[in-house]
Amino acid sequence: MLESARPLQAAGAAAPQAGVRPVAGTGLVIERDGRRLLDVDGVSFDDRRLIAIVGPNGAGKTLLMKVLAGVLQPDSGTVTWAGRPPSREGYRKLALVLQAPVLLRRTALANVVYALKAAGVTAGEADTRAMDALERAGLSHLARSSARLLSGGEKQRLALARALAIEPEMLVLDEPTANLDPASAQAIETMVGDALARGVTIVLVTHDMAQARRLADDVVFMHRGCIVETGKAVDFFAKPRTALARAFLSGEIIT
């Protein structure tokens, strides 16, 4: 389910379920040099669906993603995971993959094993799960290769495999196929589809409207730091409700 501008459970309130869903934010504001870069009343991501965050350059898409993922603190506002403040334990259920993946100076296998051990997986199980993750990503033949020597598409698949190996409830992706060739982009989309089929909630920041049409169940459209429109992807692309969304889809809005 995708919700916008809805009152949320107060931070710190007890939640009966473990995990991170729903990931929610209310009153989120980020300002720099007198300019408001993010101004979101409320947003919540819950159901096992793929939500695409779209909008022109500088709309605040990546800022919102990083705030909800707990890697960037807003100037004001509250983020909650399953009704509680973000926590170290929660990071075992929420995975983030950035446009430029950060990989360790180790083998592809060691990169995945490291993430699993950091999530509390025992050494023996970590090795098994890491190899399984590489197999799903089509990278098992590169398990002993240095991660730094992989191609751009292979690095992105490794970053995604590492994120999925911890079996997250939610996966947050920032332009995962930007600058990749079509075959590499297709491989990433296949991995994303597989994760979605396994019940992972996926939040995808993308400039690729064709990709959003193919993959998204829901859409969040942002402009100048604000959420302007939300809804089902099929409705958004067929008949957007707001003038700003219509202008964006017709190519009239660049920033």
C-alpha atoms as a PDB file:
ATOM      1  CA  MET A   1       0.000   0.000   0.000  1.00  0.00           C
ATOM      2  CA  LEU A   2       1.184   3.488  -0.772  1.00  0.00           C
ATOM      3  CA  GLU A   3      -0.043   6.371   1.337  1.00  0.00           C
ATOM      4  CA  SER A   4       0.687  10.088   1.195  1.00  0.00           C
ATOM      5  CA  ALA A   5       0.005  12.953   3.601  1.00  0.00           C
ATOM      6  CA  ARG A   6      -1.458  10.620   6.208  1.00  0.00           C
ATOM      7  CA  PRO A   7      -0.947  10.943  10.008  1.00  0.00           C
ATOM      8  CA  LEU A   8       1.483   8.285  11.138  1.00  0.00           C
ATOM      9  CA  GLN A   9       2.082   6.412  14.349  1.00  0.00           C
ATOM     10  CA  ALA A  10       4.267   8.405  16.725  1.00  0.00           C
ATOM     11  CA  ALA A  11       7.962   7.564  16.764  1.00  0.00           C
ATOM     12  CA  GLY A  12       8.869   5.263  19.618  1.00  0.00           C
ATOM     13  CA  ALA A  13       5.432   3.637  19.831  1.00  0.00           C
ATOM     14  CA  ALA A  14       5.505  -0.099  20.295  1.00  0.00           C
ATOM     15  CA  ALA A  15       4.703  -2.260  17.307  1.00  0.00           C
ATOM     16  CA  PRO A  16       3.450  -5.820  17.633  1.00  0.00           C
ATOM     17  CA  GLN A  17       5.352  -7.136  14.634  1.00  0.00           C
ATOM     18  CA  ALA A  18       9.063  -7.469  13.987  1.00  0.00           C
ATOM     19  CA  GLY A  19      10.702  -6.025  10.910  1.00  0.00           C
ATOM     20  CA  VAL A  20      10.560  -2.603   9.268  1.00  0.00           C
ATOM     21  CA  ARG A  21       7.275  -2.401   7.366  1.00  0.00           C
ATOM     22  CA  PRO A  22       5.701   0.066   7.129  1.00  0.00           C
ATOM     23  CA  VAL A  23       8.576   2.439   6.457  1.00  0.00           C
ATOM     24  CA  ALA A  24       7.057   5.858   6.991  1.00  0.00           C
ATOM     25  CA  GLY A  25       7.945   9.518   7.293  1.00  0.00           C
ATOM     26  CA  THR A  26       6.014  12.571   8.418  1.00  0.00           C
ATOM     27  CA  GLY A  27       6.868  16.277   8.264  1.00  0.00           C
ATOM     28  CA  LEU A  28      10.158  15.614   6.468  1.00  0.00           C
ATOM     29  CA  VAL A  29      12.109  18.788   5.701  1.00  0.00           C
ATOM     30  CA  ILE A  30      15.625  19.378   4.411  1.00  0.00           C
ATOM     31  CA  GLU A  31      16.897  22.899   3.770  1.00  0.00           C
ATOM     32  CA  ARG A  32      20.238  24.067   2.383  1.00  0.00           C
ATOM     33  CA  ASP A  33      21.310  27.689   1.916  1.00  0.00           C
ATOM     34  CA  GLY A  34      17.779  28.904   2.475  1.00  0.00           C
ATOM     35  CA  ARG A  35      16.333  26.545  -0.125  1.00  0.00           C
ATOM     36  CA  ARG A  36      13.883  23.793   0.831  1.00  0.00           C
ATOM     37  CA  LEU A  37      15.047  20.659  -0.947  1.00  0.00           C
ATOM     38  CA  LEU A  38      12.597  18.266   0.694  1.00  0.00           C
ATOM     39  CA  ASP A  39       9.147  19.049   2.061  1.00  0.00           C
ATOM     40  CA  VAL A  40       7.028  15.932   2.506  1.00  0.00           C
ATOM     41  CA  ASP A  41       3.998  15.938   4.800  1.00  0.00           C
ATOM     42  CA  GLY A  42       3.691  12.181   5.000  1.00  0.00           C
ATOM     43  CA  VAL A  43       4.464   8.995   3.126  1.00  0.00           C
ATOM     44  CA  SER A  44       4.342   5.291   3.963  1.00  0.00           C
ATOM     45  CA  PHE A  45       5.486   2.172   2.113  1.00  0.00           C
ATOM     46  CA  ASP A  46       4.110  -1.133   3.300  1.00  0.00           C
ATOM     47  CA  ASP A  47       2.660  -3.813   1.036  1.00  0.00           C
ATOM     48  CA  ARG A  48       4.749  -6.225  -1.003  1.00  0.00           C
ATOM     49  CA  ARG A  49       4.730  -4.129  -4.141  1.00  0.00           C
ATOM     50  CA  LEU A  50       7.130  -2.096  -6.245  1.00  0.00           C
ATOM     51  CA  ILE A  51       6.833   1.664  -5.783  1.00  0.00           C
ATOM     52  CA  ALA A  52       8.623   3.888  -8.289  1.00  0.00           C
ATOM     53  CA  ILE A  53       9.640   7.386  -7.180  1.00  0.00           C
ATOM     54  CA  VAL A  54       9.767   9.547 -10.302  1.00  0.00           C
ATOM     55  CA  GLY A  55      10.189  13.212 -11.147  1.00  0.00           C
ATOM     56  CA  PRO A  56      12.553  15.653 -12.835  1.00  0.00           C
ATOM     57  CA  ASN A  57      16.159  16.272 -11.805  1.00  0.00           C
ATOM     58  CA  GLY A  58      16.353  17.931  -8.400  1.00  0.00           C
ATOM     59  CA  ALA A  59      12.868  16.823  -7.401  1.00  0.00           C
ATOM     60  CA  GLY A  60      14.118  15.322  -4.116  1.00  0.00           C
ATOM     61  CA  LYS A  61      13.699  11.667  -5.064  1.00  0.00           C
ATOM     62  CA  THR A  62      17.065  10.473  -3.787  1.00  0.00           C
ATOM     63  CA  LEU A  63      16.837  12.694  -0.708  1.00  0.00           C
ATOM     64  CA  LEU A  64      13.514  11.131   0.244  1.00  0.00           C
ATOM     65  CA  MET A  65      14.892   7.650  -0.383  1.00  0.00           C
ATOM     66  CA  LYS A  66      17.956   8.251   1.811  1.00  0.00           C
ATOM     67  CA  VAL A  67      15.890   9.791   4.604  1.00  0.00           C
ATOM     68  CA  LEU A  68      13.446   6.883   4.681  1.00  0.00           C
ATOM     69  CA  ALA A  69      16.347   4.407   4.542  1.00  0.00           C
ATOM     70  CA  GLY A  70      17.869   6.032   7.611  1.00  0.00           C
ATOM     71  CA  VAL A  71      21.141   7.128   6.016  1.00  0.00           C
ATOM     72  CA  LEU A  72      20.323  10.853   5.981  1.00  0.00           C
ATOM     73  CA  GLN A  73      18.812  12.822   8.836  1.00  0.00           C
ATOM     74  CA  PRO A  74      16.160  15.407   7.918  1.00  0.00           C
ATOM     75  CA  ASP A  75      16.298  18.878   9.447  1.00  0.00           C
ATOM     76  CA  SER A  76      12.875  18.152  10.887  1.00  0.00           C
ATOM     77  CA  GLY A  77      10.339  15.367  10.771  1.00  0.00           C
ATOM     78  CA  THR A  78      10.117  11.760  11.860  1.00  0.00           C
ATOM     79  CA  VAL A  79      10.953   8.459  10.197  1.00  0.00           C
ATOM     80  CA  THR A  80       9.606   5.206  11.608  1.00  0.00           C
ATOM     81  CA  TRP A  81      10.131   1.581  10.736  1.00  0.00           C
ATOM     82  CA  ALA A  82       7.182  -0.572  11.831  1.00  0.00           C
ATOM     83  CA  GLY A  83       6.140   2.296  14.095  1.00  0.00           C
ATOM     84  CA  ARG A  84       9.530   2.600  15.790  1.00  0.00           C
ATOM     85  CA  PRO A  85      12.593   4.799  15.202  1.00  0.00           C
ATOM     86  CA  PRO A  86      15.146   3.295  12.773  1.00  0.00           C
ATOM     87  CA  SER A  87      17.447   0.885  14.606  1.00  0.00           C
ATOM     88  CA  ARG A  88      20.533  -1.210  14.028  1.00  0.00           C
ATOM     89  CA  GLU A  89      18.376  -4.320  14.100  1.00  0.00           C
ATOM     90  CA  GLY A  90      16.135  -2.801  11.449  1.00  0.00           C
ATOM     91  CA  TYR A  91      19.008  -2.567   8.991  1.00  0.00           C
ATOM     92  CA  ARG A  92      18.910  -6.346   8.812  1.00  0.00           C
ATOM     93  CA  LYS A  93      15.492  -6.026   7.199  1.00  0.00           C
ATOM     94  CA  LEU A  94      16.035  -2.944   5.010  1.00  0.00           C
ATOM     95  CA  ALA A  95      18.589  -3.021   2.202  1.00  0.00           C
ATOM     96  CA  LEU A  96      19.824  -0.057   0.176  1.00  0.00           C
ATOM     97  CA  VAL A  97      21.592  -0.170  -3.200  1.00  0.00           C
ATOM     98  CA  LEU A  98      22.981   3.097  -4.548  1.00  0.00           C
ATOM     99  CA  GLN A  99      23.549   4.089  -8.164  1.00  0.00           C
ATOM    100  CA  ALA A 100      27.331   3.791  -7.684  1.00  0.00           C
ATOM    101  CA  PRO A 101      27.747   0.615  -5.603  1.00  0.00           C
ATOM    102  CA  VAL A 102      30.279   0.654  -2.796  1.00  0.00           C
ATOM    103  CA  LEU A 103      32.199  -2.617  -2.906  1.00  0.00           C
ATOM    104  CA  LEU A 104      34.924  -3.909  -0.624  1.00  0.00           C
ATOM    105  CA  ARG A 105      38.430  -4.648  -1.898  1.00  0.00           C
ATOM    106  CA  ARG A 106      37.680  -8.339  -1.675  1.00  0.00           C
ATOM    107  CA  THR A 107      36.307 -11.079  -3.894  1.00  0.00           C
ATOM    108  CA  ALA A 108      32.708 -11.037  -5.031  1.00  0.00           C
ATOM    109  CA  LEU A 109      31.963 -13.882  -2.626  1.00  0.00           C
ATOM    110  CA  ALA A 110      33.673 -12.123   0.297  1.00  0.00           C
ATOM    111  CA  ASN A 111      31.580  -9.003  -0.314  1.00  0.00           C
ATOM    112  CA  VAL A 112      28.381 -10.973   0.171  1.00  0.00           C
ATOM    113  CA  VAL A 113      29.734 -12.994   3.089  1.00  0.00           C
ATOM    114  CA  TYR A 114      30.748  -9.780   4.864  1.00  0.00           C
ATOM    115  CA  ALA A 115      27.206  -8.383   4.602  1.00  0.00           C
ATOM    116  CA  LEU A 116      25.698 -11.600   5.895  1.00  0.00           C
ATOM    117  CA  LYS A 117      28.035 -11.797   8.891  1.00  0.00           C
ATOM    118  CA  ALA A 118      27.306  -8.147   9.671  1.00  0.00           C
ATOM    119  CA  ALA A 119      23.626  -9.117   9.731  1.00  0.00           C
ATOM    120  CA  GLY A 120      24.356 -11.810  12.309  1.00  0.00           C
ATOM    121  CA  VAL A 121      24.505 -14.859  10.052  1.00  0.00           C
ATOM    122  CA  THR A 122      26.939 -17.555  11.192  1.00  0.00           C
ATOM    123  CA  ALA A 123      30.070 -18.146   9.144  1.00  0.00           C
ATOM    124  CA  GLY A 124      29.028 -21.509   7.730  1.00  0.00           C
ATOM    125  CA  GLU A 125      25.563 -20.346   6.754  1.00  0.00           C
ATOM    126  CA  ALA A 126      26.975 -17.103   5.352  1.00  0.00           C
ATOM    127  CA  ASP A 127      29.140 -18.986   2.850  1.00  0.00           C
ATOM    128  CA  THR A 128      26.199 -21.068   1.661  1.00  0.00           C
ATOM    129  CA  ARG A 129      23.815 -18.133   1.375  1.00  0.00           C
ATOM    130  CA  ALA A 130      26.430 -15.996  -0.345  1.00  0.00           C
ATOM    131  CA  MET A 131      27.002 -18.577  -3.047  1.00  0.00           C
ATOM    132  CA  ASP A 132      23.251 -18.943  -3.502  1.00  0.00           C
ATOM    133  CA  ALA A 133      22.929 -15.169  -3.885  1.00  0.00           C
ATOM    134  CA  LEU A 134      25.688 -15.108  -6.497  1.00  0.00           C
ATOM    135  CA  GLU A 135      24.029 -17.977  -8.347  1.00  0.00           C
ATOM    136  CA  ARG A 136      20.734 -16.055  -8.488  1.00  0.00           C
ATOM    137  CA  ALA A 137      22.640 -13.064  -9.875  1.00  0.00           C
ATOM    138  CA  GLY A 138      24.447 -15.144 -12.493  1.00  0.00           C
ATOM    139  CA  LEU A 139      27.786 -14.374 -10.858  1.00  0.00           C
ATOM    140  CA  SER A 140      28.783 -17.697  -9.327  1.00  0.00           C
ATOM    141  CA  HIS A 141      31.553 -18.120 -11.892  1.00  0.00           C
ATOM    142  CA  LEU A 142      33.054 -14.849 -10.621  1.00  0.00           C
ATOM    143  CA  ALA A 143      32.857 -15.725  -6.918  1.00  0.00           C
ATOM    144  CA  ARG A 144      36.652 -15.680  -6.490  1.00  0.00           C
ATOM    145  CA  SER A 145      37.225 -12.637  -8.696  1.00  0.00           C
ATOM    146  CA  SER A 146      38.051  -9.241  -7.231  1.00  0.00           C
ATOM    147  CA  ALA A 147      34.895  -7.160  -6.985  1.00  0.00           C
ATOM    148  CA  ARG A 148      36.831  -4.103  -8.146  1.00  0.00           C
ATOM    149  CA  LEU A 149      37.689  -5.801 -11.459  1.00  0.00           C
ATOM    150  CA  LEU A 150      34.101  -6.610 -12.438  1.00  0.00           C
ATOM    151  CA  SER A 151      32.313  -4.751 -15.202  1.00  0.00           C
ATOM    152  CA  GLY A 152      29.803  -2.023 -14.353  1.00  0.00           C
ATOM    153  CA  GLY A 153      26.854  -4.342 -14.823  1.00  0.00           C
ATOM    154  CA  GLU A 154      28.505  -7.108 -12.808  1.00  0.00           C
ATOM    155  CA  LYS A 155      29.252  -4.703  -9.964  1.00  0.00           C
ATOM    156  CA  GLN A 156      25.639  -3.582  -9.841  1.00  0.00           C
ATOM    157  CA  ARG A 157      24.413  -7.180  -9.856  1.00  0.00           C
ATOM    158  CA  LEU A 158      26.866  -7.968  -7.054  1.00  0.00           C
ATOM    159  CA  ALA A 159      25.620  -5.028  -4.997  1.00  0.00           C
ATOM    160  CA  LEU A 160      22.047  -6.194  -5.514  1.00  0.00           C
ATOM    161  CA  ALA A 161      22.931  -9.811  -4.723  1.00  0.00           C
ATOM    162  CA  ARG A 162      24.633  -8.660  -1.516  1.00  0.00           C
ATOM    163  CA  ALA A 163      21.557  -6.673  -0.520  1.00  0.00           C
ATOM    164  CA  LEU A 164      19.161  -9.523  -1.241  1.00  0.00           C
ATOM    165  CA  ALA A 165      21.311 -12.121   0.523  1.00  0.00           C
ATOM    166  CA  ILE A 166      20.263 -10.762   3.921  1.00  0.00           C
ATOM    167  CA  GLU A 167      16.624 -11.493   2.948  1.00  0.00           C
ATOM    168  CA  PRO A 168      15.304  -7.976   3.559  1.00  0.00           C
ATOM    169  CA  GLU A 169      11.662  -7.026   3.928  1.00  0.00           C
ATOM    170  CA  MET A 170      12.307  -3.845   1.965  1.00  0.00           C
ATOM    171  CA  LEU A 171      14.790  -3.073  -0.804  1.00  0.00           C
ATOM    172  CA  VAL A 172      15.497   0.557  -1.722  1.00  0.00           C
ATOM    173  CA  LEU A 173      17.140   1.135  -5.113  1.00  0.00           C
ATOM    174  CA  ASP A 174      18.569   4.383  -6.465  1.00  0.00           C
ATOM    175  CA  GLU A 175      18.813   4.344 -10.280  1.00  0.00           C
ATOM    176  CA  PRO A 176      20.078   0.728 -10.326  1.00  0.00           C
ATOM    177  CA  THR A 177      20.323   0.521 -14.127  1.00  0.00           C
ATOM    178  CA  ALA A 178      21.648   4.007 -14.901  1.00  0.00           C
ATOM    179  CA  ASN A 179      24.498   3.893 -17.444  1.00  0.00           C
ATOM    180  CA  LEU A 180      24.178   0.144 -17.953  1.00  0.00           C
ATOM    181  CA  ASP A 181      23.886  -1.578 -21.310  1.00  0.00           C
ATOM    182  CA  PRO A 182      20.503  -3.158 -22.160  1.00  0.00           C
ATOM    183  CA  ALA A 183      21.566  -6.701 -21.259  1.00  0.00           C
ATOM    184  CA  SER A 184      22.878  -5.630 -17.840  1.00  0.00           C
ATOM    185  CA  ALA A 185      19.766  -3.551 -17.196  1.00  0.00           C
ATOM    186  CA  GLN A 186      17.583  -6.549 -18.073  1.00  0.00           C
ATOM    187  CA  ALA A 187      19.546  -8.738 -15.660  1.00  0.00           C
ATOM    188  CA  ILE A 188      18.981  -6.213 -12.863  1.00  0.00           C
ATOM    189  CA  GLU A 189      15.271  -5.981 -13.653  1.00  0.00           C
ATOM    190  CA  THR A 190      15.014  -9.772 -13.564  1.00  0.00           C
ATOM    191  CA  MET A 191      16.605  -9.836 -10.102  1.00  0.00           C
ATOM    192  CA  VAL A 192      14.225  -7.126  -8.947  1.00  0.00           C
ATOM    193  CA  GLY A 193      11.263  -9.097 -10.284  1.00  0.00           C
ATOM    194  CA  ASP A 194      12.439 -12.234  -8.489  1.00  0.00           C
ATOM    195  CA  ALA A 195      12.764 -10.319  -5.215  1.00  0.00           C
ATOM    196  CA  LEU A 196       9.279  -8.895  -5.650  1.00  0.00           C
ATOM    197  CA  ALA A 197       7.909 -12.385  -6.230  1.00  0.00           C
ATOM    198  CA  ARG A 198       9.487 -13.454  -2.924  1.00  0.00           C
ATOM    199  CA  GLY A 199       7.520 -10.782  -1.059  1.00  0.00           C
ATOM    200  CA  VAL A 200      10.114  -7.999  -0.804  1.00  0.00           C
ATOM    201  CA  THR A 201       8.737  -4.447  -0.834  1.00  0.00           C
ATOM    202  CA  ILE A 202      10.775  -2.493  -3.382  1.00  0.00           C
ATOM    203  CA  VAL A 203      11.171   1.279  -3.589  1.00  0.00           C
ATOM    204  CA  LEU A 204      12.772   2.266  -6.884  1.00  0.00           C
ATOM    205  CA  VAL A 205      14.080   5.740  -7.697  1.00  0.00           C
ATOM    206  CA  THR A 206      14.297   6.030 -11.474  1.00  0.00           C
ATOM    207  CA  HIS A 207      14.459   8.521 -14.320  1.00  0.00           C
ATOM    208  CA  ASP A 208      13.580   5.757 -16.768  1.00  0.00           C
ATOM    209  CA  MET A 209       9.838   6.055 -17.396  1.00  0.00           C
ATOM    210  CA  ALA A 210       9.813   2.937 -19.559  1.00  0.00           C
ATOM    211  CA  GLN A 211      11.298   1.028 -16.632  1.00  0.00           C
ATOM    212  CA  ALA A 212       8.735   2.497 -14.239  1.00  0.00           C
ATOM    213  CA  ARG A 213       5.935   1.466 -16.609  1.00  0.00           C
ATOM    214  CA  ARG A 214       7.302  -2.079 -16.813  1.00  0.00           C
ATOM    215  CA  LEU A 215       7.978  -2.673 -13.143  1.00  0.00           C
ATOM    216  CA  ALA A 216       5.965  -0.388 -10.895  1.00  0.00           C
ATOM    217  CA  ASP A 217       2.720  -1.210  -9.117  1.00  0.00           C
ATOM    218  CA  ASP A 218       2.521   2.288  -7.618  1.00  0.00           C
ATOM    219  CA  VAL A 219       4.095   5.648  -8.424  1.00  0.00           C
ATOM    220  CA  VAL A 220       5.181   8.606  -6.296  1.00  0.00           C
ATOM    221  CA  PHE A 221       5.661  11.713  -8.425  1.00  0.00           C
ATOM    222  CA  MET A 222       7.825  14.452  -6.904  1.00  0.00           C
ATOM    223  CA  HIS A 223       8.578  18.022  -7.947  1.00  0.00           C
ATOM    224  CA  ARG A 224      10.727  20.582  -6.136  1.00  0.00           C
ATOM    225  CA  GLY A 225      10.992  18.520  -2.973  1.00  0.00           C
ATOM    226  CA  CYS A 226       7.293  17.761  -2.632  1.00  0.00           C
ATOM    227  CA  ILE A 227       5.128  14.747  -3.352  1.00  0.00           C
ATOM    228  CA  VAL A 228       2.672  16.015  -5.941  1.00  0.00           C
ATOM    229  CA  GLU A 229       0.819  12.833  -6.883  1.00  0.00           C
ATOM    230  CA  THR A 230       0.650   9.185  -5.859  1.00  0.00           C
ATOM    231  CA  GLY A 231      -1.339   6.303  -7.232  1.00  0.00           C
ATOM    232  CA  LYS A 232      -1.327   3.092  -9.181  1.00  0.00           C
ATOM    233  CA  ALA A 233       1.216   3.100 -11.986  1.00  0.00           C
ATOM    234  CA  VAL A 234      -1.288   2.132 -14.659  1.00  0.00           C
ATOM    235  CA  ASP A 235      -3.480   5.108 -13.750  1.00  0.00           C
ATOM    236  CA  PHE A 236      -0.582   7.541 -13.403  1.00  0.00           C
ATOM    237  CA  PHE A 237       0.787   6.819 -16.854  1.00  0.00           C
ATOM    238  CA  ALA A 238      -2.617   6.597 -18.556  1.00  0.00           C
ATOM    239  CA  LYS A 239      -4.247   9.634 -16.981  1.00  0.00           C
ATOM    240  CA  PRO A 240      -2.238  11.621 -14.400  1.00  0.00           C
ATOM    241  CA  ARG A 241      -4.456  13.706 -12.128  1.00  0.00           C
ATOM    242  CA  THR A 242      -2.278  16.803 -11.763  1.00  0.00           C
ATOM    243  CA  ALA A 243      -1.120  19.351 -14.309  1.00  0.00           C
ATOM    244  CA  LEU A 244       2.478  18.981 -13.098  1.00  0.00           C
ATOM    245  CA  ALA A 245       2.445  15.231 -13.673  1.00  0.00           C
ATOM    246  CA  ARG A 246       0.966  15.675 -17.127  1.00  0.00           C
ATOM    247  CA  ALA A 247       3.631  18.233 -17.974  1.00  0.00           C
ATOM    248  CA  PHE A 248       6.374  15.930 -16.706  1.00  0.00           C
ATOM    249  CA  LEU A 249       5.208  12.946 -18.717  1.00  0.00           C
ATOM    250  CA  SER A 250       4.909  15.074 -21.858  1.00  0.00           C
ATOM    251  CA  GLY A 251       8.507  16.285 -21.437  1.00  0.00           C
ATOM    252  CA  GLU A 252       7.626  19.856 -20.541  1.00  0.00           C
ATOM    253  CA  ILE A 253       9.261  19.777 -17.095  1.00  0.00           C
ATOM    254  CA  ILE A 254      13.020  19.234 -16.919  1.00  0.00           C
ATOM    255  CA  THR A 255      13.766  20.548 -13.407  1.00  0.00           C
END
